[in-house]
Protein backbone atom coordinates (compact mmCIF):
# COMPACT_ATOMS: atom_id res chain seq x y z
CA MET A 1 -23.62 -22.31 29.78
CA ASP A 2 -22.54 -24.12 33.37
CA LEU A 3 -18.91 -24.18 32.14
CA LEU A 4 -18.67 -20.65 31.17
CA LEU A 5 -20.33 -19.59 34.37
CA ALA A 6 -18.16 -21.74 36.62
CA LEU A 7 -15.24 -20.31 34.77
CA LYS A 8 -16.41 -16.65 35.46
CA THR A 9 -17.15 -17.37 39.05
CA ASN A 10 -13.84 -18.97 39.60
CA ILE A 11 -11.63 -16.71 37.32
CA VAL A 12 -9.08 -15.83 39.89
CA SER A 13 -8.56 -19.72 40.81
CA VAL A 14 -8.32 -20.77 37.22
CA VAL A 15 -5.77 -17.86 36.49
CA MET A 16 -3.54 -18.64 39.55
CA ALA A 17 -3.70 -22.35 38.79
CA VAL A 18 -2.52 -21.47 35.20
CA LEU A 19 0.30 -19.55 36.48
CA ALA A 20 1.29 -22.19 38.84
CA LEU A 21 1.25 -24.82 36.13
CA PHE A 22 3.33 -22.18 33.88
CA LEU A 23 5.89 -21.69 36.80
CA LEU A 24 6.37 -25.39 37.83
CA TRP A 25 7.09 -26.06 33.71
CA LYS A 26 9.61 -23.11 33.82
CA ILE A 27 11.45 -24.24 36.73
CA ARG A 28 11.25 -27.92 35.80
CA GLY A 29 12.83 -26.86 32.46
CA LYS A 30 15.58 -24.94 33.91
CA GLN A 31 16.42 -27.65 36.50
CA SER A 32 16.65 -30.18 33.67
CA ARG A 33 19.19 -28.06 31.97
CA PHE A 34 21.71 -28.79 34.90
CA ASP A 35 21.22 -32.30 35.05
CA ARG A 36 24.71 -32.65 34.93
CA LEU A 37 25.35 -31.08 38.25
CA PRO A 38 27.23 -32.51 41.22
CA PRO A 39 25.13 -34.43 43.86
CA GLY A 40 23.11 -32.67 46.51
CA PRO A 41 19.85 -32.66 48.60
CA ALA A 42 16.73 -32.65 46.87
CA PRO A 43 15.19 -29.19 46.30
CA ASN A 44 11.79 -28.04 46.79
CA LEU A 45 10.07 -26.96 43.20
CA LEU A 46 9.77 -23.12 44.28
CA LEU A 47 11.99 -22.63 47.03
CA GLY A 48 15.05 -24.89 46.31
CA ASN A 49 16.78 -25.73 49.36
CA LEU A 50 16.25 -22.30 51.15
CA LEU A 51 14.21 -23.68 54.03
CA GLN A 52 16.54 -26.51 54.64
CA PHE A 53 19.05 -23.98 56.64
CA ASN A 54 19.46 -20.73 58.29
CA ILE A 55 20.61 -18.22 55.74
CA LYS A 56 22.58 -16.29 58.23
CA GLU A 57 24.49 -19.45 59.04
CA ALA A 58 24.52 -20.81 55.46
CA TYR A 59 28.14 -21.84 55.68
CA LYS A 60 27.33 -24.48 58.76
CA TYR A 61 24.97 -26.09 56.38
CA TYR A 62 27.51 -26.16 53.39
CA LEU A 63 30.16 -27.52 55.66
CA GLU A 64 27.26 -30.62 56.42
CA LEU A 65 27.02 -31.05 52.68
CA SER A 66 30.45 -31.16 52.52
CA GLU A 67 30.75 -34.23 54.66
CA LYS A 68 27.74 -35.94 53.21
CA TYR A 69 28.30 -35.16 49.55
CA GLY A 70 31.94 -34.72 49.25
CA SER A 71 34.04 -31.81 48.17
CA VAL A 72 31.75 -30.77 45.47
CA ALA A 73 28.08 -30.33 45.83
CA THR A 74 24.96 -28.59 44.50
CA ILE A 75 22.10 -26.92 46.41
CA TRP A 76 19.23 -24.69 44.91
CA LEU A 77 18.55 -21.28 46.15
CA ALA A 78 15.10 -20.82 44.87
CA ASN A 79 15.47 -21.82 40.94
CA THR A 80 19.20 -20.83 40.91
CA PRO A 81 21.58 -24.00 41.21
CA VAL A 82 24.83 -23.16 43.42
CA VAL A 83 27.59 -25.44 43.55
CA ILE A 84 29.64 -25.52 46.85
CA ILE A 85 33.46 -26.44 46.59
CA SER A 86 34.97 -27.38 49.70
CA GLY A 87 38.19 -28.94 51.17
CA TYR A 88 41.74 -27.92 50.63
CA GLN A 89 42.62 -29.87 47.46
CA ALA A 90 39.37 -29.23 45.64
CA LEU A 91 39.97 -25.46 46.25
CA LYS A 92 43.37 -25.69 45.19
CA GLU A 93 42.60 -27.47 41.97
CA THR A 94 39.60 -25.00 41.05
CA MET A 95 40.66 -21.62 42.23
CA ILE A 96 44.42 -21.86 41.34
CA GLY A 97 44.50 -24.82 38.79
CA LEU A 98 41.79 -23.29 36.97
CA GLY A 99 42.04 -19.90 38.21
CA GLU A 100 41.11 -18.50 34.85
CA GLU A 101 37.70 -20.39 34.75
CA PHE A 102 36.71 -19.34 38.40
CA SER A 103 37.87 -15.72 38.21
CA GLY A 104 34.38 -14.82 37.48
CA ARG A 105 32.05 -12.81 39.79
CA ALA A 106 28.32 -13.32 40.10
CA ILE A 107 26.15 -10.30 39.15
CA TYR A 108 25.03 -8.28 42.36
CA PRO A 109 22.62 -5.82 41.14
CA LEU A 110 23.27 -3.46 44.13
CA LEU A 111 26.96 -3.43 43.44
CA MET A 112 26.46 -2.88 39.56
CA LYS A 113 24.31 -0.06 40.18
CA SER A 114 26.64 1.80 42.64
CA THR A 115 29.90 1.03 41.13
CA TYR A 116 28.45 1.69 37.26
CA GLY A 117 30.04 -1.84 36.32
CA TYR A 118 33.42 -0.71 37.50
CA GLY A 119 35.92 -2.02 40.20
CA VAL A 120 37.45 -5.12 41.30
CA LEU A 121 34.63 -6.59 43.30
CA SER A 122 32.14 -6.22 40.76
CA THR A 123 33.68 -6.72 37.38
CA SER A 124 34.68 -9.82 35.60
CA GLY A 125 36.81 -10.69 32.45
CA HIS A 126 38.90 -8.16 30.67
CA ARG A 127 37.53 -5.20 32.72
CA TRP A 128 38.34 -7.05 35.91
CA LYS A 129 41.79 -7.67 34.81
CA GLU A 130 42.59 -4.44 33.74
CA MET A 131 40.87 -3.15 37.05
CA ARG A 132 43.01 -5.41 39.20
CA LYS A 133 46.38 -4.48 37.39
CA PHE A 134 45.53 -0.80 37.88
CA SER A 135 44.60 -1.30 41.43
CA LEU A 136 47.80 -3.20 42.57
CA ALA A 137 50.26 -0.50 40.42
CA THR A 138 48.43 2.20 42.28
CA LEU A 139 48.59 0.76 45.80
CA LYS A 140 52.34 0.34 44.89
CA ASN A 141 52.85 3.71 43.84
CA PHE A 142 51.14 5.00 47.20
CA GLY A 143 53.84 2.74 49.26
CA MET A 144 52.38 -0.64 49.50
CA GLY A 145 55.28 -2.78 50.61
CA ARG A 146 57.32 0.11 51.28
CA ARG A 147 58.63 1.58 54.78
CA SER A 148 56.23 4.52 54.17
CA ILE A 149 53.23 2.46 54.41
CA GLU A 150 54.72 1.04 57.96
CA GLU A 151 55.08 4.45 59.39
CA ARG A 152 51.48 5.27 58.50
CA VAL A 153 50.19 2.25 60.15
CA LYS A 154 52.31 2.87 62.99
CA GLU A 155 51.03 6.51 63.51
CA GLU A 156 47.41 5.14 63.26
CA ALA A 157 48.62 2.66 66.14
CA GLU A 158 49.38 5.47 68.26
CA ASN A 159 46.16 7.07 67.76
CA LEU A 160 44.29 3.70 68.30
CA VAL A 161 46.09 2.98 71.84
CA GLU A 162 44.98 6.65 72.76
CA MET A 163 41.49 5.78 71.97
CA PHE A 164 41.57 2.89 74.48
CA LYS A 165 43.05 4.67 77.05
CA LYS A 166 39.97 6.89 77.03
CA CYS A 167 37.81 3.87 77.81
CA GLU A 168 39.79 2.50 80.51
CA GLY A 169 37.71 1.79 83.81
CA SER A 170 34.51 0.90 81.78
CA ALA A 171 33.55 -1.77 79.19
CA PHE A 172 33.61 -0.67 75.66
CA SER A 173 33.33 -2.34 72.15
CA PRO A 174 36.51 -2.00 70.24
CA ALA A 175 34.93 -2.87 67.12
CA ASP A 176 34.53 0.79 65.66
CA MET A 177 37.73 2.07 66.96
CA LEU A 178 39.46 -0.71 65.25
CA LEU A 179 37.47 -0.28 61.95
CA ASN A 180 38.23 3.50 62.08
CA ALA A 181 42.09 2.46 62.50
CA VAL A 182 42.04 0.38 59.57
CA SER A 183 40.00 2.74 57.57
CA ASN A 184 42.27 5.68 58.14
CA VAL A 185 45.27 4.11 57.02
CA ILE A 186 43.60 3.48 53.54
CA CYS A 187 42.30 7.37 53.79
CA SER A 188 46.12 8.49 54.41
CA ILE A 189 47.15 6.57 51.51
CA VAL A 190 44.51 7.64 49.13
CA PHE A 191 43.45 10.93 50.44
CA GLY A 192 46.51 12.00 51.89
CA GLN A 193 45.18 12.59 55.29
CA ARG A 194 43.73 10.48 58.20
CA PHE A 195 40.32 11.75 60.07
CA GLU A 196 39.23 12.08 63.59
CA PHE A 197 36.99 9.31 64.96
CA GLU A 198 34.07 11.73 65.61
CA ASP A 199 34.47 13.46 62.25
CA PRO A 200 30.70 13.12 60.89
CA GLN A 201 31.86 12.71 56.97
CA PHE A 202 34.33 9.85 58.04
CA LYS A 203 31.36 8.26 60.28
CA SER A 204 28.91 8.62 57.37
CA LEU A 205 31.61 6.81 55.02
CA LEU A 206 31.82 4.07 57.48
CA ARG A 207 28.19 3.34 57.93
CA THR A 208 28.16 3.08 54.16
CA VAL A 209 30.68 0.68 53.77
CA ASN A 210 29.30 -1.56 56.64
CA THR A 211 25.82 -1.33 55.21
CA TYR A 212 27.36 -1.98 51.91
CA PHE A 213 29.03 -5.46 52.85
CA ALA A 214 25.90 -6.08 55.12
CA ILE A 215 23.48 -6.46 52.00
CA LEU A 216 26.06 -8.25 50.02
CA SER A 217 26.16 -10.64 52.68
CA SER A 218 22.98 -12.21 51.51
CA PRO A 219 22.74 -14.79 48.78
CA LEU A 220 22.20 -13.24 45.42
CA GLY A 221 23.01 -14.21 41.83
CA GLN A 222 22.03 -16.16 38.45
CA ASP A 223 22.74 -18.92 36.43
CA VAL A 224 25.27 -21.27 38.10
CA MET A 225 26.94 -19.97 41.07
CA VAL A 226 30.19 -21.29 42.64
CA PHE A 227 30.60 -20.85 46.35
CA PRO A 228 34.12 -21.62 47.44
CA LEU A 229 33.69 -22.81 50.82
CA LEU A 230 37.01 -21.52 52.64
CA SER A 231 35.40 -22.70 56.10
CA SER A 232 36.16 -26.17 55.26
CA VAL A 233 39.80 -25.59 55.06
CA LEU A 234 40.17 -23.37 58.27
CA LYS A 235 38.44 -26.07 60.19
CA ASP A 236 39.77 -29.23 58.69
CA PRO A 237 41.23 -31.41 61.63
CA LYS A 238 43.76 -33.11 59.08
CA LEU A 239 45.14 -29.72 58.33
CA TRP A 240 45.00 -28.08 62.11
CA LYS A 241 46.32 -29.34 65.55
CA ASN A 242 43.17 -27.50 67.05
CA PRO A 243 40.65 -26.08 64.39
CA ASN A 244 38.02 -24.91 66.42
CA CYS A 245 39.88 -22.59 68.85
CA PHE A 246 42.50 -19.76 68.53
CA ASP A 247 45.58 -21.99 68.93
CA PRO A 248 49.04 -20.38 68.17
CA GLU A 249 50.37 -23.82 68.23
CA ASN A 250 48.85 -24.31 64.84
CA PHE A 251 51.59 -22.15 63.30
CA LEU A 252 54.43 -23.84 65.57
CA ASP A 253 56.37 -26.97 64.69
CA ALA A 254 57.76 -29.40 67.24
CA ASP A 255 60.44 -27.17 68.32
CA GLY A 256 58.14 -24.20 69.01
CA ARG A 257 59.19 -22.36 65.83
CA PHE A 258 57.14 -20.62 63.20
CA GLN A 259 55.70 -22.85 60.56
CA LYS A 260 53.96 -21.58 57.52
CA ASN A 261 50.44 -23.53 56.93
CA ASP A 262 49.19 -23.45 53.33
CA ALA A 263 45.67 -23.99 54.76
CA PHE A 264 45.58 -20.63 56.15
CA VAL A 265 43.64 -19.27 53.24
CA VAL A 266 41.93 -16.27 55.00
CA PHE A 267 42.76 -13.79 52.10
CA GLY A 268 41.16 -16.15 49.55
CA MET A 269 42.84 -18.45 46.72
CA GLY A 270 43.56 -17.95 43.15
CA LYS A 271 43.31 -14.84 40.95
CA ARG A 272 40.48 -13.33 43.30
CA ALA A 273 42.88 -13.32 46.29
CA CYS A 274 42.75 -10.25 48.56
CA LEU A 275 44.60 -7.30 46.93
CA GLY A 276 45.51 -5.64 50.35
CA GLU A 277 46.74 -8.62 52.01
CA ALA A 278 50.30 -7.31 52.47
CA LEU A 279 48.86 -4.23 53.90
CA VAL A 280 46.53 -6.28 56.25
CA ARG A 281 49.36 -8.30 57.52
CA ILE A 282 51.23 -5.15 58.52
CA GLU A 283 48.45 -3.76 60.13
CA LEU A 284 47.53 -6.94 62.05
CA PHE A 285 51.03 -7.23 63.54
CA ILE A 286 51.58 -3.62 64.41
CA PHE A 287 48.01 -2.98 65.75
CA PHE A 288 47.97 -5.88 68.02
CA THR A 289 51.60 -5.84 69.25
CA SER A 290 50.76 -2.05 69.97
CA LEU A 291 47.64 -3.01 71.95
CA LEU A 292 49.09 -5.64 73.63
CA GLN A 293 52.19 -3.81 74.82
CA HIS A 294 49.74 -1.16 76.45
CA PHE A 295 46.79 -3.27 77.44
CA THR A 296 45.61 -6.37 79.28
CA PHE A 297 41.95 -7.51 77.98
CA LYS A 298 39.35 -8.89 79.92
CA ALA A 299 36.12 -10.28 78.56
CA MET A 300 32.78 -9.65 79.98
CA VAL A 301 32.05 -13.11 80.17
CA PRO A 302 34.31 -16.51 80.82
CA PRO A 303 36.06 -16.97 77.16
CA VAL A 304 34.09 -20.31 76.92
CA GLU A 305 30.96 -18.48 76.87
CA LEU A 306 31.74 -16.04 73.96
CA ASP A 307 29.62 -16.73 70.65
CA THR A 308 32.12 -16.29 67.87
CA THR A 309 29.54 -17.56 65.00
CA PRO A 310 29.28 -14.78 62.49
CA THR A 311 25.87 -12.76 62.11
CA ASN A 312 25.58 -13.31 58.61
CA CYS A 313 27.75 -15.25 55.99
CA SER A 314 27.90 -15.42 52.11
CA PHE A 315 29.74 -12.65 50.41
CA GLY A 316 31.61 -12.20 53.70
CA ARG A 317 31.60 -13.24 57.40
CA MET A 318 30.16 -10.49 59.34
CA PRO A 319 31.83 -10.87 62.77
CA ARG A 320 29.86 -10.40 66.13
CA THR A 321 30.86 -7.26 68.23
CA TYR A 322 31.97 -7.82 72.05
CA GLU A 323 32.48 -5.47 74.99
CA CYS A 324 35.55 -5.69 77.07
CA TYR A 325 37.66 -4.13 79.56
CA ALA A 326 41.23 -2.71 78.31
CA ILE A 327 43.46 -2.56 81.53
CA SER A 328 47.01 -0.54 81.34
CA ARG A 329 49.92 -2.31 81.96
CA LYS A 330 52.03 -0.58 84.68
């Protein structure tokens, strides 16, 4: 009777204890299935390694892991194992040498729901191959790689310069204007027209895209995930003369001539490399040359005080915004 009375009195505690034991048993059982994973820091039974780093600056923690455990390491996000691959050689061997095996994509519930399981970002396997093939063919049909695309980019660059001129004399953030210009190039290709910066529908579209990627930039997924750590290549002192600063000499040989660097992997590697790389390169060249021909830019603070760490980093690196002055060249 005393035992039954004690159980009735502490029924909540008993249930919680049973649930906790069951959860620990499930976690241990799951982790035992991954005994052959690469080395990494010891995880907490419930939260894995989540308490060991700042999620918004996860890439810094990943870089530290690569230095301690080598080019392939494992961490746990709660009860989900994540394999971190770093270093140019390891990434080349996996993302390119084993491109087919590493061409899959983790399941992002939001992405799957909003795309109904279609699109090059959310799909894997045969469907992804067909979607990527279709996307490349469509971009080519719309003028990708042709003179017509350059003309669209030049037109948008002229509009961008005019927008900057309106801000002369006052500090402003160019982020939205640059996003507007890049987005308008795509709109002119897909829809056959560009939009004015203040167009409410266009602003709504840009807000949706920004929110979309901000949500995706939180670690999600299931089963064994693989994070290719491109930051480890872009900041490798063995591959770059000055990896922590913007330095044009990283792309110059001893005679001051342009020299291609295979470690410049900002567009990804392997079969999942950026579809729009060719277009982006054109935009970067035309936008920046146009702006630098018309303006001298001055920061609000000394360059050494600028914080260039991204605001978030997982699916993508979300850059910080800055204010500056754009002074017309006379």
